[in-house]
């Protein structure tokens, strides 16, 4: 991740204790690389954590286990899984606030995103994709000072391998993709995506994501960069490349290169609550920076022209 120019990353999935141990080793200075943080546990439909009381207790347990943030997963899955109730979500958000923890939410539909932000959610970890956002939602996000992480590359990744994208053979993509994983993407994943019964829905959601990102950005809503990248070999969101592809997609959606740069620096640091130490180049802050050979304001793809990477003022190799 660091070798692609990403200096801080947050895992939004239920994580083992090892990730907390990595974070602590980094804090001690024993490990270098992109700084990690974690939600530790994802609040999704779970028969063992179903009531508001159980939700509050699980927040306490999750924070005690080392969580940096608290995340709710509210997704109808095109009408199949059961969603978390408003009361449950309210209990989680209120309890997280008692611990001073920022809250993140996974939502697909506008109605769920509105509900979460109304309850005080700090960050939407994905964009609304079922319909265009309305002026009421734009005003709500601004009023609550909420952040949007669009994850365009996540939505594209659900169908794009079925179209044999040209970048799959680019050196920048293949540099950090093992041969067996590349083969998997070109065969099994490609075939599965071509035949997927919800392929049209995935593509429609991706286009709606771009439309809504433009509306939200134009309205002055804070935007932060995120991707859903990483995890097992059979997953198709490739760490490092996904972050750079996300930037390109954000520009395609209508954001300027400078707005994209601000999304992964100032916007992301504010979304994570670490803006006192990170996010901009200023005296007294951690000197996380990239030296590029080409100007990304001319073309956001020039973010790939990394000459050197600095973490905390020290060159990373």
Protein backbone atom coordinates (compact mmCIF):
# COMPACT_ATOMS: atom_id res chain seq x y z
CA UNK A 1 0.00 0.00 0.00
CA UNK A 2 2.75 2.45 0.93
CA UNK A 3 4.62 1.70 -2.29
CA UNK A 4 1.60 2.99 -4.21
CA UNK A 5 1.79 6.27 -2.29
CA UNK A 6 -0.89 5.54 0.32
CA UNK A 7 0.41 6.59 3.75
CA UNK A 8 -2.63 5.74 5.89
CA UNK A 9 -5.37 3.16 5.44
CA UNK A 10 -8.41 2.03 7.43
CA UNK A 11 -9.88 -1.45 7.39
CA UNK A 12 -13.69 -1.37 7.37
CA UNK A 13 -14.18 -5.10 7.93
CA UNK A 14 -14.29 -7.28 11.04
CA UNK A 15 -10.59 -7.77 11.81
CA UNK A 16 -8.48 -10.15 13.89
CA UNK A 17 -6.42 -8.92 16.83
CA UNK A 18 -3.29 -9.01 14.65
CA UNK A 19 -4.29 -5.76 12.93
CA UNK A 20 -4.44 -3.97 16.26
CA UNK A 21 -1.03 -5.43 17.08
CA UNK A 22 0.34 -4.10 13.77
CA UNK A 23 -1.04 -0.65 14.59
CA UNK A 24 0.57 -0.70 18.02
CA UNK A 25 3.90 -1.83 16.57
CA UNK A 26 3.71 1.08 14.14
CA UNK A 27 2.99 3.49 17.00
CA UNK A 28 6.10 2.20 18.79
CA UNK A 29 8.17 2.71 15.65
CA UNK A 30 8.83 -1.02 15.22
CA UNK A 31 7.06 -1.29 11.85
CA UNK A 32 7.01 0.99 8.84
CA UNK A 33 4.57 1.24 5.96
CA UNK A 34 1.11 2.71 5.55
CA UNK A 35 -0.41 3.47 8.95
CA UNK A 36 -3.34 1.18 9.70
CA UNK A 37 -6.52 1.66 11.70
CA UNK A 38 -9.55 -0.60 12.10
CA UNK A 39 -13.22 -0.78 12.99
CA UNK A 40 -12.45 -4.21 14.55
CA UNK A 41 -16.09 -5.36 14.20
CA UNK A 42 -18.70 -4.58 11.55
CA UNK A 43 -22.22 -4.08 12.91
CA UNK A 44 -24.40 -6.07 10.49
CA UNK A 45 -27.41 -8.38 11.03
CA UNK A 46 -26.26 -10.83 13.71
CA UNK A 47 -28.61 -12.98 15.86
CA UNK A 48 -26.23 -12.62 18.80
CA UNK A 49 -26.23 -8.80 18.58
CA UNK A 50 -29.85 -7.98 17.76
CA UNK A 51 -31.22 -5.62 20.42
CA UNK A 52 -30.30 -2.04 21.28
CA UNK A 53 -28.92 -3.22 24.62
CA UNK A 54 -26.77 -5.85 22.93
CA UNK A 55 -25.64 -3.25 20.40
CA UNK A 56 -24.43 -0.90 23.13
CA UNK A 57 -22.61 -3.73 24.90
CA UNK A 58 -20.96 -4.77 21.63
CA UNK A 59 -19.77 -1.20 21.04
CA UNK A 60 -18.15 -1.25 24.50
CA UNK A 61 -16.52 -4.60 23.71
CA UNK A 62 -15.34 -3.46 20.28
CA UNK A 63 -13.76 -0.28 21.66
CA UNK A 64 -12.06 -2.28 24.42
CA UNK A 65 -10.66 -4.62 21.74
CA UNK A 66 -8.89 -1.69 20.10
CA UNK A 67 -11.31 -0.29 17.50
CA UNK A 68 -10.42 3.12 16.09
CA UNK A 69 -13.89 3.62 14.62
CA UNK A 70 -17.35 2.06 14.70
CA UNK A 71 -19.11 0.93 11.51
CA UNK A 72 -22.71 0.05 10.66
CA UNK A 73 -23.67 -2.05 7.62
CA UNK A 74 -27.17 -1.22 6.36
CA UNK A 75 -27.81 -2.78 2.98
CA UNK A 76 -30.89 -4.45 1.55
CA UNK A 77 -28.82 -6.34 -1.01
CA UNK A 78 -31.44 -5.65 -3.74
CA UNK A 79 -34.17 -6.74 -1.33
CA UNK A 80 -32.70 -9.94 0.11
CA UNK A 81 -31.01 -9.58 3.52
CA UNK A 82 -32.62 -8.13 6.60
CA UNK A 83 -31.57 -4.55 7.40
CA UNK A 84 -30.54 -3.12 10.75
CA UNK A 85 -33.35 -1.13 12.34
CA UNK A 86 -33.26 2.60 13.04
CA UNK A 87 -33.37 1.91 16.79
CA UNK A 88 -30.40 -0.46 16.59
CA UNK A 89 -28.39 2.04 14.53
CA UNK A 90 -29.24 4.85 16.95
CA UNK A 91 -27.99 2.76 19.88
CA UNK A 92 -24.69 2.00 18.13
CA UNK A 93 -24.08 5.62 17.12
CA UNK A 94 -24.97 6.98 20.57
CA UNK A 95 -22.72 4.48 22.33
CA UNK A 96 -19.85 5.16 19.94
CA UNK A 97 -20.19 8.87 20.68
CA UNK A 98 -19.88 8.15 24.41
CA UNK A 99 -16.49 6.61 23.66
CA UNK A 100 -15.50 9.52 21.44
CA UNK A 101 -15.44 7.30 18.35
CA UNK A 102 -16.34 8.45 14.84
CA UNK A 103 -18.95 6.34 13.07
CA UNK A 104 -18.93 4.99 9.51
CA UNK A 105 -21.84 3.53 7.59
CA UNK A 106 -22.33 1.24 4.62
CA UNK A 107 -25.53 2.05 2.73
CA UNK A 108 -26.78 1.59 -0.83
CA UNK A 109 -30.21 3.22 -0.80
CA UNK A 110 -30.97 6.89 -0.21
CA UNK A 111 -33.49 6.10 2.51
CA UNK A 112 -30.84 4.26 4.55
CA UNK A 113 -28.17 6.90 4.01
CA UNK A 114 -30.58 9.60 5.16
CA UNK A 115 -31.51 7.63 8.24
CA UNK A 116 -27.89 7.12 9.27
CA UNK A 117 -26.90 10.76 8.76
CA UNK A 118 -30.01 11.94 10.63
CA UNK A 119 -28.87 9.80 13.58
CA UNK A 120 -25.47 11.50 13.56
CA UNK A 121 -23.32 9.18 11.42
CA UNK A 122 -20.02 10.87 10.62
CA UNK A 123 -19.00 9.15 7.38
CA UNK A 124 -20.88 7.39 4.59
CA UNK A 125 -18.37 4.75 3.52
CA UNK A 126 -20.16 4.31 0.16
CA UNK A 127 -22.29 6.52 -2.04
CA UNK A 128 -26.05 6.36 -2.63
CA UNK A 129 -26.61 4.22 -5.72
CA UNK A 130 -30.32 3.43 -6.00
CA UNK A 131 -31.42 6.91 -7.14
CA UNK A 132 -30.26 10.49 -7.49
CA UNK A 133 -29.76 12.31 -4.21
CA UNK A 134 -32.16 15.19 -3.52
CA UNK A 135 -31.67 18.68 -2.15
CA UNK A 136 -32.89 17.57 1.29
CA UNK A 137 -30.09 15.02 1.51
CA UNK A 138 -27.49 17.53 0.32
CA UNK A 139 -28.61 20.00 3.01
CA UNK A 140 -28.60 17.26 5.64
CA UNK A 141 -25.00 16.25 4.87
CA UNK A 142 -23.86 19.86 5.05
CA UNK A 143 -25.80 20.52 8.26
CA UNK A 144 -24.36 17.42 9.96
CA UNK A 145 -20.85 18.01 8.52
CA UNK A 146 -20.84 14.41 7.26
CA UNK A 147 -18.28 12.98 4.85
CA UNK A 148 -18.81 10.90 1.72
CA UNK A 149 -16.45 8.15 0.56
CA UNK A 150 -17.77 7.23 -2.92
CA UNK A 151 -15.78 4.01 -3.60
CA UNK A 152 -16.41 4.19 -7.34
CA UNK A 153 -13.74 1.58 -8.00
CA UNK A 154 -15.57 -0.85 -5.76
CA UNK A 155 -18.70 -0.59 -7.91
CA UNK A 156 -16.73 -0.78 -11.15
CA UNK A 157 -14.86 -3.82 -9.86
CA UNK A 158 -18.08 -5.83 -9.63
CA UNK A 159 -18.42 -5.99 -13.43
CA UNK A 160 -15.35 -4.52 -15.18
CA UNK A 161 -13.31 -7.74 -15.42
CA UNK A 162 -16.09 -9.17 -17.54
CA UNK A 163 -15.20 -6.50 -20.09
CA UNK A 164 -11.45 -7.32 -20.14
CA UNK A 165 -10.33 -3.78 -19.23
CA UNK A 166 -7.15 -2.67 -21.04
CA UNK A 167 -5.45 -1.67 -17.78
CA UNK A 168 -5.32 -5.29 -16.62
CA UNK A 169 -2.23 -5.70 -18.81
CA UNK A 170 -0.58 -2.41 -17.87
CA UNK A 171 2.74 -2.69 -15.97
CA UNK A 172 1.36 -0.49 -13.17
CA UNK A 173 -1.44 -3.00 -12.53
CA UNK A 174 0.68 -6.13 -12.91
CA UNK A 175 3.56 -4.86 -10.79
CA UNK A 176 1.97 -5.99 -7.53
CA UNK A 177 -0.43 -8.68 -8.76
CA UNK A 178 0.89 -12.22 -8.45
CA UNK A 179 0.66 -14.36 -11.64
CA UNK A 180 -1.87 -16.76 -10.10
CA UNK A 181 -4.11 -13.87 -9.09
CA UNK A 182 -3.84 -12.27 -12.52
CA UNK A 183 -4.81 -15.57 -14.09
CA UNK A 184 -7.81 -15.79 -11.74
CA UNK A 185 -8.95 -12.29 -12.72
CA UNK A 186 -8.67 -13.11 -16.43
CA UNK A 187 -10.51 -16.42 -16.23
CA UNK A 188 -12.71 -17.37 -13.27
CA UNK A 189 -13.56 -13.81 -12.18
CA UNK A 190 -14.12 -12.63 -15.76
CA UNK A 191 -16.45 -15.54 -16.53
CA UNK A 192 -18.38 -15.11 -13.28
CA UNK A 193 -18.89 -11.40 -13.92
CA UNK A 194 -20.07 -11.92 -17.50
CA UNK A 195 -22.73 -14.36 -16.29
CA UNK A 196 -23.69 -12.61 -13.04
CA UNK A 197 -27.50 -12.19 -12.86
CA UNK A 198 -27.16 -8.75 -11.24
CA UNK A 199 -24.61 -7.43 -13.73
CA UNK A 200 -26.99 -4.77 -15.08
CA UNK A 201 -27.77 -3.60 -11.54
CA UNK A 202 -24.05 -3.33 -10.74
CA UNK A 203 -23.45 -1.19 -13.82
CA UNK A 204 -26.46 1.01 -13.09
CA UNK A 205 -25.27 1.49 -9.51
CA UNK A 206 -21.83 2.51 -10.74
CA UNK A 207 -23.29 5.14 -13.07
CA UNK A 208 -25.57 6.47 -10.32
CA UNK A 209 -22.56 6.67 -7.99
CA UNK A 210 -20.79 8.95 -10.48
CA UNK A 211 -23.89 11.12 -10.92
CA UNK A 212 -24.35 11.51 -7.16
CA UNK A 213 -20.67 12.16 -6.51
CA UNK A 214 -20.79 15.11 -8.89
CA UNK A 215 -23.90 16.51 -7.17
CA UNK A 216 -22.46 16.06 -3.68
CA UNK A 217 -19.08 17.52 -4.60
CA UNK A 218 -20.67 20.53 -6.31
CA UNK A 219 -22.78 21.10 -3.20
CA UNK A 220 -19.65 21.34 -1.06
CA UNK A 221 -20.01 18.05 0.81
CA UNK A 222 -16.67 16.79 2.15
CA UNK A 223 -15.37 13.91 0.01
CA UNK A 224 -12.71 11.41 1.11
CA UNK A 225 -11.01 8.76 -0.99
CA UNK A 226 -11.66 5.09 -0.26
CA UNK A 227 -11.76 1.90 -2.30
CA UNK A 228 -12.71 -1.37 -0.53
CA UNK A 229 -9.43 -2.79 -1.86
CA UNK A 230 -7.51 -5.73 -0.49
CA UNK A 231 -8.34 -9.06 1.15
CA UNK A 232 -8.19 -12.60 -0.37
CA UNK A 233 -6.75 -13.69 -3.70
CA UNK A 234 -10.19 -14.30 -5.25
CA UNK A 235 -11.32 -10.75 -4.45
CA UNK A 236 -11.03 -8.31 -7.32
CA UNK A 237 -10.31 -4.95 -5.67
CA UNK A 238 -6.55 -4.73 -5.99
CA UNK A 239 -4.68 -2.84 -3.26
CA UNK A 240 -2.66 0.07 -4.56
CA UNK A 241 -3.99 0.03 -8.10
CA UNK A 242 -7.56 0.53 -6.82
CA UNK A 243 -6.58 3.77 -5.11
CA UNK A 244 -5.15 5.19 -8.34
CA UNK A 245 -8.07 3.91 -10.41
CA UNK A 246 -10.45 5.57 -7.91
CA UNK A 247 -8.80 8.93 -8.54
CA UNK A 248 -9.28 8.55 -12.29
CA UNK A 249 -12.94 7.61 -11.83
CA UNK A 250 -13.53 10.60 -9.56
CA UNK A 251 -12.25 12.88 -12.33
CA UNK A 252 -14.43 11.04 -14.84
CA UNK A 253 -17.39 11.77 -12.54
CA UNK A 254 -16.69 15.49 -12.79
CA UNK A 255 -14.34 16.35 -9.95
CA UNK A 256 -11.19 18.35 -10.71
CA UNK A 257 -7.73 16.89 -10.07
CA UNK A 258 -7.27 19.36 -7.20
CA UNK A 259 -10.54 18.24 -5.61
CA UNK A 260 -9.38 14.64 -5.87
CA UNK A 261 -6.03 15.51 -4.28
CA UNK A 262 -7.87 17.25 -1.44
CA UNK A 263 -10.10 14.18 -1.02
CA UNK A 264 -7.18 11.88 -0.22
CA UNK A 265 -5.35 14.45 1.91
CA UNK A 266 -7.35 17.10 3.76
CA UNK A 267 -10.73 15.42 3.27
CA UNK A 268 -9.56 11.98 4.34
CA UNK A 269 -7.71 13.27 7.41
CA UNK A 270 -10.82 15.15 8.55
CA UNK A 271 -13.01 12.10 7.92
CA UNK A 272 -10.70 10.00 10.11
CA UNK A 273 -10.39 12.68 12.78
CA UNK A 274 -6.60 12.88 12.39
CA UNK A 275 -6.40 16.33 10.79
CA UNK A 276 -4.35 17.74 13.69
CA UNK A 277 -1.40 15.59 12.60
CA UNK A 278 -2.06 14.76 8.95
CA UNK A 279 -3.74 15.91 5.75
CA UNK A 280 -1.87 19.06 4.75
CA UNK A 281 1.75 20.18 4.62
CA UNK A 282 2.15 22.51 7.60
CA UNK A 283 4.56 23.12 10.45
CA UNK A 284 4.05 20.71 13.32
CA UNK A 285 2.29 18.01 11.27
CA UNK A 286 3.62 14.63 10.17
CA UNK A 287 5.54 14.99 6.92
CA UNK A 288 3.73 12.35 4.87
CA UNK A 289 4.32 13.33 1.26
CA UNK A 290 4.92 12.12 -2.26
CA UNK A 291 7.42 13.48 -4.74
CA UNK A 292 6.08 13.08 -8.28
CA UNK A 293 7.81 13.34 -11.63
CA UNK A 294 4.73 14.74 -13.40
CA UNK A 295 2.06 17.25 -12.39
CA UNK A 296 -1.23 15.59 -11.32
CA UNK A 297 -3.09 18.85 -11.92
CA UNK A 298 -2.44 18.30 -15.63
CA UNK A 299 -3.65 14.69 -15.48
CA UNK A 300 -4.64 12.82 -12.32
CA UNK A 301 -2.97 9.70 -13.77
CA UNK A 302 0.31 11.50 -13.07
CA UNK A 303 -0.21 10.48 -9.44
CA UNK A 304 1.39 7.24 -10.62
CA UNK A 305 4.70 8.98 -11.39
CA UNK A 306 5.98 8.51 -7.83
CA UNK A 307 9.65 9.34 -7.45
CA UNK A 308 9.84 9.03 -3.67
CA UNK A 309 7.58 8.51 -0.65
CA UNK A 310 8.02 10.06 2.78
CA UNK A 311 6.38 8.78 5.95
CA UNK A 312 6.78 11.04 8.96
CA UNK A 313 9.56 12.93 7.23
CA UNK A 314 11.59 9.82 6.46
CA UNK A 315 11.94 8.35 3.00
CA UNK A 316 10.19 5.01 2.61
CA UNK A 317 11.72 2.28 0.47
